[in-house]
Amino acid sequence: MPDSQPELESQIAFLEDAVAILDKALASQQKQILDLQSQVRFLHQELKTHGVRLDAADVPADPPPPHY
């Protein structure tokens, strides 16, 4: 265990730097989450407005494969 003041100060400086880096990463991730939530709300509204469902679309089913 470090017992000298310079070593402790060095460790504190390292930890402060690590906290600052983690804080920036957290802020970036929070912004990404907010952006994604906004996109999901927009897409949800678009689906409600147009009333389109993928399972209700007139997409012809693939014919069954030929049997040998």
PDB file of N, CA and C in Angstrom:
ATOM      1  N   MET A   1       0.846  -1.173   0.000  1.00  0.00           N
ATOM      2  CA  MET A   1       0.000   0.000   0.000  1.00  0.00           C
ATOM      3  C   MET A   1       0.891   1.236   0.000  1.00  0.00           C
ATOM      4  N   PRO A   2       0.576   2.151  -0.914  1.00  0.00           N
ATOM      5  CA  PRO A   2       1.426   3.342  -0.963  1.00  0.00           C
ATOM      6  C   PRO A   2       1.261   4.179   0.292  1.00  0.00           C
ATOM      7  N   ASP A   3       2.388   4.693   0.776  1.00  0.00           N
ATOM      8  CA  ASP A   3       2.308   5.473   2.012  1.00  0.00           C
ATOM      9  C   ASP A   3       2.921   6.862   1.864  1.00  0.00           C
ATOM     10  N   SER A   4       3.468   7.146   0.703  1.00  0.00           N
ATOM     11  CA  SER A   4       4.057   8.469   0.536  1.00  0.00           C
ATOM     12  C   SER A   4       3.031   9.406  -0.103  1.00  0.00           C
ATOM     13  N   GLN A   5       3.126  10.643   0.247  1.00  0.00           N
ATOM     14  CA  GLN A   5       2.175  11.627  -0.247  1.00  0.00           C
ATOM     15  C   GLN A   5       2.209  11.760  -1.778  1.00  0.00           C
ATOM     16  N   PRO A   6       3.367  11.781  -2.424  1.00  0.00           N
ATOM     17  CA  PRO A   6       3.381  11.883  -3.895  1.00  0.00           C
ATOM     18  C   PRO A   6       2.675  10.708  -4.576  1.00  0.00           C
ATOM     19  N   GLU A   7       2.832   9.512  -4.017  1.00  0.00           N
ATOM     20  CA  GLU A   7       2.159   8.350  -4.603  1.00  0.00           C
ATOM     21  C   GLU A   7       0.646   8.476  -4.464  1.00  0.00           C
ATOM     22  N   LEU A   8       0.189   8.931  -3.299  1.00  0.00           N
ATOM     23  CA  LEU A   8      -1.242   9.114  -3.086  1.00  0.00           C
ATOM     24  C   LEU A   8      -1.795  10.198  -4.009  1.00  0.00           C
ATOM     25  N   GLU A   9      -1.061  11.277  -4.162  1.00  0.00           N
ATOM     26  CA  GLU A   9      -1.495  12.352  -5.051  1.00  0.00           C
ATOM     27  C   GLU A   9      -1.563  11.860  -6.494  1.00  0.00           C
ATOM     28  N   SER A  10      -0.618  11.015  -6.876  1.00  0.00           N
ATOM     29  CA  SER A  10      -0.612  10.450  -8.223  1.00  0.00           C
ATOM     30  C   SER A  10      -1.835   9.559  -8.441  1.00  0.00           C
ATOM     31  N   GLN A  11      -2.146   8.751  -7.445  1.00  0.00           N
ATOM     32  CA  GLN A  11      -3.320   7.885  -7.550  1.00  0.00           C
ATOM     33  C   GLN A  11      -4.605   8.707  -7.617  1.00  0.00           C
ATOM     34  N   ILE A  12      -4.694   9.754  -6.830  1.00  0.00           N
ATOM     35  CA  ILE A  12      -5.876  10.620  -6.849  1.00  0.00           C
ATOM     36  C   ILE A  12      -6.023  11.270  -8.217  1.00  0.00           C
ATOM     37  N   ALA A  13      -4.925  11.746  -8.783  1.00  0.00           N
ATOM     38  CA  ALA A  13      -4.963  12.366 -10.107  1.00  0.00           C
ATOM     39  C   ALA A  13      -5.432  11.362 -11.155  1.00  0.00           C
ATOM     40  N   PHE A  14      -4.929  10.131 -11.055  1.00  0.00           N
ATOM     41  CA  PHE A  14      -5.344   9.079 -11.986  1.00  0.00           C
ATOM     42  C   PHE A  14      -6.834   8.811 -11.856  1.00  0.00           C
ATOM     43  N   LEU A  15      -7.326   8.695 -10.630  1.00  0.00           N
ATOM     44  CA  LEU A  15      -8.747   8.425 -10.403  1.00  0.00           C
ATOM     45  C   LEU A  15      -9.628   9.581 -10.878  1.00  0.00           C
ATOM     46  N   GLU A  16      -9.171  10.801 -10.662  1.00  0.00           N
ATOM     47  CA  GLU A  16      -9.936  11.955 -11.139  1.00  0.00           C
ATOM     48  C   GLU A  16     -10.029  11.945 -12.655  1.00  0.00           C
ATOM     49  N   ASP A  17      -8.936  11.582 -13.318  1.00  0.00           N
ATOM     50  CA  ASP A  17      -8.936  11.492 -14.774  1.00  0.00           C
ATOM     51  C   ASP A  17      -9.887  10.389 -15.240  1.00  0.00           C
ATOM     52  N   ALA A  18      -9.849   9.261 -14.565  1.00  0.00           N
ATOM     53  CA  ALA A  18     -10.727   8.146 -14.913  1.00  0.00           C
ATOM     54  C   ALA A  18     -12.197   8.542 -14.744  1.00  0.00           C
ATOM     55  N   VAL A  19     -12.520   9.242 -13.682  1.00  0.00           N
ATOM     56  CA  VAL A  19     -13.890   9.694 -13.446  1.00  0.00           C
ATOM     57  C   VAL A  19     -14.322  10.659 -14.547  1.00  0.00           C
ATOM     58  N   ALA A  20     -13.446  11.555 -14.959  1.00  0.00           N
ATOM     59  CA  ALA A  20     -13.775  12.503 -16.023  1.00  0.00           C
ATOM     60  C   ALA A  20     -14.039  11.776 -17.340  1.00  0.00           C
ATOM     61  N   ILE A  21     -13.231  10.789 -17.646  1.00  0.00           N
ATOM     62  CA  ILE A  21     -13.418  10.007 -18.872  1.00  0.00           C
ATOM     63  C   ILE A  21     -14.747   9.258 -18.829  1.00  0.00           C
ATOM     64  N   LEU A  22     -15.038   8.624 -17.699  1.00  0.00           N
ATOM     65  CA  LEU A  22     -16.294   7.891 -17.558  1.00  0.00           C
ATOM     66  C   LEU A  22     -17.497   8.826 -17.623  1.00  0.00           C
ATOM     67  N   ASP A  23     -17.356  10.019 -17.071  1.00  0.00           N
ATOM     68  CA  ASP A  23     -18.437  10.995 -17.114  1.00  0.00           C
ATOM     69  C   ASP A  23     -18.741  11.403 -18.550  1.00  0.00           C
ATOM     70  N   LYS A  24     -17.701  11.620 -19.354  1.00  0.00           N
ATOM     71  CA  LYS A  24     -17.905  11.964 -20.763  1.00  0.00           C
ATOM     72  C   LYS A  24     -18.580  10.819 -21.513  1.00  0.00           C
ATOM     73  N   ALA A  25     -18.153   9.599 -21.235  1.00  0.00           N
ATOM     74  CA  ALA A  25     -18.752   8.442 -21.895  1.00  0.00           C
ATOM     75  C   ALA A  25     -20.227   8.310 -21.515  1.00  0.00           C
ATOM     76  N   LEU A  26     -20.529   8.522 -20.254  1.00  0.00           N
ATOM     77  CA  LEU A  26     -21.913   8.438 -19.793  1.00  0.00           C
ATOM     78  C   LEU A  26     -22.774   9.509 -20.453  1.00  0.00           C
ATOM     79  N   ALA A  27     -22.272  10.719 -20.556  1.00  0.00           N
ATOM     80  CA  ALA A  27     -23.017  11.803 -21.197  1.00  0.00           C
ATOM     81  C   ALA A  27     -23.263  11.479 -22.675  1.00  0.00           C
ATOM     82  N   SER A  28     -22.272  10.930 -23.340  1.00  0.00           N
ATOM     83  CA  SER A  28     -22.418  10.557 -24.748  1.00  0.00           C
ATOM     84  C   SER A  28     -23.474   9.461 -24.915  1.00  0.00           C
ATOM     85  N   GLN A  29     -23.433   8.464 -24.059  1.00  0.00           N
ATOM     86  CA  GLN A  29     -24.405   7.386 -24.133  1.00  0.00           C
ATOM     87  C   GLN A  29     -25.814   7.890 -23.835  1.00  0.00           C
ATOM     88  N   GLN A  30     -25.933   8.800 -22.896  1.00  0.00           N
ATOM     89  CA  GLN A  30     -27.246   9.358 -22.573  1.00  0.00           C
ATOM     90  C   GLN A  30     -27.805  10.114 -23.776  1.00  0.00           C
ATOM     91  N   LYS A  31     -26.952  10.851 -24.482  1.00  0.00           N
ATOM     92  CA  LYS A  31     -27.408  11.567 -25.681  1.00  0.00           C
ATOM     93  C   LYS A  31     -27.855  10.579 -26.750  1.00  0.00           C
ATOM     94  N   GLN A  32     -27.107   9.504 -26.925  1.00  0.00           N
ATOM     95  CA  GLN A  32     -27.487   8.489 -27.906  1.00  0.00           C
ATOM     96  C   GLN A  32     -28.829   7.862 -27.548  1.00  0.00           C
ATOM     97  N   ILE A  33     -29.044   7.594 -26.280  1.00  0.00           N
ATOM     98  CA  ILE A  33     -30.318   7.014 -25.835  1.00  0.00           C
ATOM     99  C   ILE A  33     -31.460   7.973 -26.130  1.00  0.00           C
ATOM    100  N   LEU A  34     -31.279   9.241 -25.839  1.00  0.00           N
ATOM    101  CA  LEU A  34     -32.328  10.223 -26.110  1.00  0.00           C
ATOM    102  C   LEU A  34     -32.623  10.322 -27.607  1.00  0.00           C
ATOM    103  N   ASP A  35     -31.569  10.295 -28.428  1.00  0.00           N
ATOM    104  CA  ASP A  35     -31.755  10.324 -29.877  1.00  0.00           C
ATOM    105  C   ASP A  35     -32.519   9.093 -30.363  1.00  0.00           C
ATOM    106  N   LEU A  36     -32.165   7.939 -29.852  1.00  0.00           N
ATOM    107  CA  LEU A  36     -32.849   6.700 -30.251  1.00  0.00           C
ATOM    108  C   LEU A  36     -34.311   6.702 -29.799  1.00  0.00           C
ATOM    109  N   GLN A  37     -34.577   7.210 -28.603  1.00  0.00           N
ATOM    110  CA  GLN A  37     -35.956   7.296 -28.132  1.00  0.00           C
ATOM    111  C   GLN A  37     -36.771   8.216 -29.041  1.00  0.00           C
ATOM    112  N   SER A  38     -36.165   9.294 -29.464  1.00  0.00           N
ATOM    113  CA  SER A  38     -36.846  10.216 -30.374  1.00  0.00           C
ATOM    114  C   SER A  38     -37.145   9.530 -31.710  1.00  0.00           C
ATOM    115  N   GLN A  39     -36.209   8.773 -32.221  1.00  0.00           N
ATOM    116  CA  GLN A  39     -36.427   8.064 -33.481  1.00  0.00           C
ATOM    117  C   GLN A  39     -37.534   7.022 -33.342  1.00  0.00           C
ATOM    118  N   VAL A  40     -37.564   6.317 -32.224  1.00  0.00           N
ATOM    119  CA  VAL A  40     -38.599   5.311 -32.004  1.00  0.00           C
ATOM    120  C   VAL A  40     -39.967   5.976 -31.929  1.00  0.00           C
ATOM    121  N   ARG A  41     -40.057   7.110 -31.227  1.00  0.00           N
ATOM    122  CA  ARG A  41     -41.331   7.833 -31.166  1.00  0.00           C
ATOM    123  C   ARG A  41     -41.788   8.255 -32.559  1.00  0.00           C
ATOM    124  N   PHE A  42     -40.842   8.767 -33.369  1.00  0.00           N
ATOM    125  CA  PHE A  42     -41.175   9.183 -34.727  1.00  0.00           C
ATOM    126  C   PHE A  42     -41.680   8.005 -35.551  1.00  0.00           C
ATOM    127  N   LEU A  43     -40.971   6.888 -35.500  1.00  0.00           N
ATOM    128  CA  LEU A  43     -41.379   5.714 -36.273  1.00  0.00           C
ATOM    129  C   LEU A  43     -42.722   5.178 -35.793  1.00  0.00           C
ATOM    130  N   HIS A  44     -42.936   5.202 -34.500  1.00  0.00           N
ATOM    131  CA  HIS A  44     -44.225   4.752 -33.949  1.00  0.00           C
ATOM    132  C   HIS A  44     -45.348   5.633 -34.469  1.00  0.00           C
ATOM    133  N   GLN A  45     -45.134   6.933 -34.474  1.00  0.00           N
ATOM    134  CA  GLN A  45     -46.144   7.855 -34.979  1.00  0.00           C
ATOM    135  C   GLN A  45     -46.387   7.641 -36.472  1.00  0.00           C
ATOM    136  N   GLU A  46     -45.317   7.400 -37.225  1.00  0.00           N
ATOM    137  CA  GLU A  46     -45.467   7.133 -38.654  1.00  0.00           C
ATOM    138  C   GLU A  46     -46.312   5.883 -38.887  1.00  0.00           C
ATOM    139  N   LEU A  47     -46.073   4.847 -38.127  1.00  0.00           N
ATOM    140  CA  LEU A  47     -46.853   3.625 -38.276  1.00  0.00           C
ATOM    141  C   LEU A  47     -48.311   3.860 -37.910  1.00  0.00           C
ATOM    142  N   LYS A  48     -48.549   4.627 -36.848  1.00  0.00           N
ATOM    143  CA  LYS A  48     -49.927   4.928 -36.463  1.00  0.00           C
ATOM    144  C   LYS A  48     -50.617   5.762 -37.535  1.00  0.00           C
ATOM    145  N   THR A  49     -49.908   6.727 -38.106  1.00  0.00           N
ATOM    146  CA  THR A  49     -50.486   7.611 -39.115  1.00  0.00           C
ATOM    147  C   THR A  49     -50.851   6.850 -40.385  1.00  0.00           C
ATOM    148  N   HIS A  50     -49.960   5.993 -40.827  1.00  0.00           N
ATOM    149  CA  HIS A  50     -50.180   5.294 -42.085  1.00  0.00           C
ATOM    150  C   HIS A  50     -50.957   3.996 -41.903  1.00  0.00           C
ATOM    151  N   GLY A  51     -51.055   3.523 -40.700  1.00  0.00           N
ATOM    152  CA  GLY A  51     -51.825   2.312 -40.431  1.00  0.00           C
ATOM    153  C   GLY A  51     -51.299   1.086 -41.152  1.00  0.00           C
ATOM    154  N   VAL A  52     -50.032   1.032 -41.359  1.00  0.00           N
ATOM    155  CA  VAL A  52     -49.449  -0.092 -42.087  1.00  0.00           C
ATOM    156  C   VAL A  52     -48.893  -1.104 -41.098  1.00  0.00           C
ATOM    157  N   ARG A  53     -49.236  -2.334 -41.349  1.00  0.00           N
ATOM    158  CA  ARG A  53     -48.653  -3.425 -40.570  1.00  0.00           C
ATOM    159  C   ARG A  53     -47.954  -4.359 -41.540  1.00  0.00           C
ATOM    160  N   LEU A  54     -46.829  -4.836 -41.133  1.00  0.00           N
ATOM    161  CA  LEU A  54     -46.074  -5.708 -42.025  1.00  0.00           C
ATOM    162  C   LEU A  54     -46.821  -7.002 -42.331  1.00  0.00           C
ATOM    163  N   ASP A  55     -47.524  -7.533 -41.352  1.00  0.00           N
ATOM    164  CA  ASP A  55     -48.234  -8.788 -41.590  1.00  0.00           C
ATOM    165  C   ASP A  55     -49.515  -8.575 -42.387  1.00  0.00           C
ATOM    166  N   ALA A  56     -49.973  -7.339 -42.552  1.00  0.00           N
ATOM    167  CA  ALA A  56     -51.187  -7.061 -43.311  1.00  0.00           C
ATOM    168  C   ALA A  56     -50.878  -6.572 -44.716  1.00  0.00           C
ATOM    169  N   ALA A  57     -49.638  -6.388 -45.049  1.00  0.00           N
ATOM    170  CA  ALA A  57     -49.267  -5.897 -46.377  1.00  0.00           C
ATOM    171  C   ALA A  57     -49.556  -6.968 -47.422  1.00  0.00           C
ATOM    172  N   ASP A  58     -49.888  -6.538 -48.633  1.00  0.00           N
ATOM    173  CA  ASP A  58     -50.170  -7.472 -49.718  1.00  0.00           C
ATOM    174  C   ASP A  58     -48.875  -7.925 -50.374  1.00  0.00           C
ATOM    175  N   VAL A  59     -48.139  -8.692 -49.647  1.00  0.00           N
ATOM    176  CA  VAL A  59     -46.886  -9.234 -50.160  1.00  0.00           C
ATOM    177  C   VAL A  59     -47.147 -10.694 -50.493  1.00  0.00           C
ATOM    178  N   PRO A  60     -46.994 -11.050 -51.770  1.00  0.00           N
ATOM    179  CA  PRO A  60     -47.263 -12.452 -52.113  1.00  0.00           C
ATOM    180  C   PRO A  60     -46.266 -13.382 -51.426  1.00  0.00           C
ATOM    181  N   ALA A  61     -46.796 -14.463 -50.956  1.00  0.00           N
ATOM    182  CA  ALA A  61     -45.934 -15.448 -50.303  1.00  0.00           C
ATOM    183  C   ALA A  61     -45.118 -16.172 -51.364  1.00  0.00           C
ATOM    184  N   ASP A  62     -43.933 -16.568 -50.997  1.00  0.00           N
ATOM    185  CA  ASP A  62     -43.109 -17.334 -51.932  1.00  0.00           C
ATOM    186  C   ASP A  62     -43.783 -18.676 -52.183  1.00  0.00           C
ATOM    187  N   PRO A  63     -43.749 -19.125 -53.428  1.00  0.00           N
ATOM    188  CA  PRO A  63     -44.350 -20.444 -53.686  1.00  0.00           C
ATOM    189  C   PRO A  63     -43.528 -21.521 -52.967  1.00  0.00           C
ATOM    190  N   PRO A  64     -44.175 -22.579 -52.606  1.00  0.00           N
ATOM    191  CA  PRO A  64     -43.419 -23.642 -51.924  1.00  0.00           C
ATOM    192  C   PRO A  64     -42.369 -24.227 -52.862  1.00  0.00           C
ATOM    193  N   PRO A  65     -41.265 -24.679 -52.333  1.00  0.00           N
ATOM    194  CA  PRO A  65     -40.224 -25.246 -53.188  1.00  0.00           C
ATOM    195  C   PRO A  65     -40.716 -26.553 -53.818  1.00  0.00           C
ATOM    196  N   PRO A  66     -40.216 -26.849 -55.013  1.00  0.00           N
ATOM    197  CA  PRO A  66     -40.639 -28.109 -55.665  1.00  0.00           C
ATOM    198  C   PRO A  66     -40.096 -29.312 -54.881  1.00  0.00           C
ATOM    199  N   HIS A  67     -40.902 -30.305 -54.851  1.00  0.00           N
ATOM    200  CA  HIS A  67     -40.468 -31.536 -54.175  1.00  0.00           C
ATOM    201  C   HIS A  67     -39.919 -32.504 -55.217  1.00  0.00           C
ATOM    202  N   TYR A  68     -38.880 -33.164 -54.889  1.00  0.00           N
ATOM    203  CA  TYR A  68     -38.240 -34.076 -55.835  1.00  0.00           C
ATOM    204  C   TYR A  68     -38.750 -35.470 -55.624  1.00  0.00           C
TER     205      TYR A  68
END
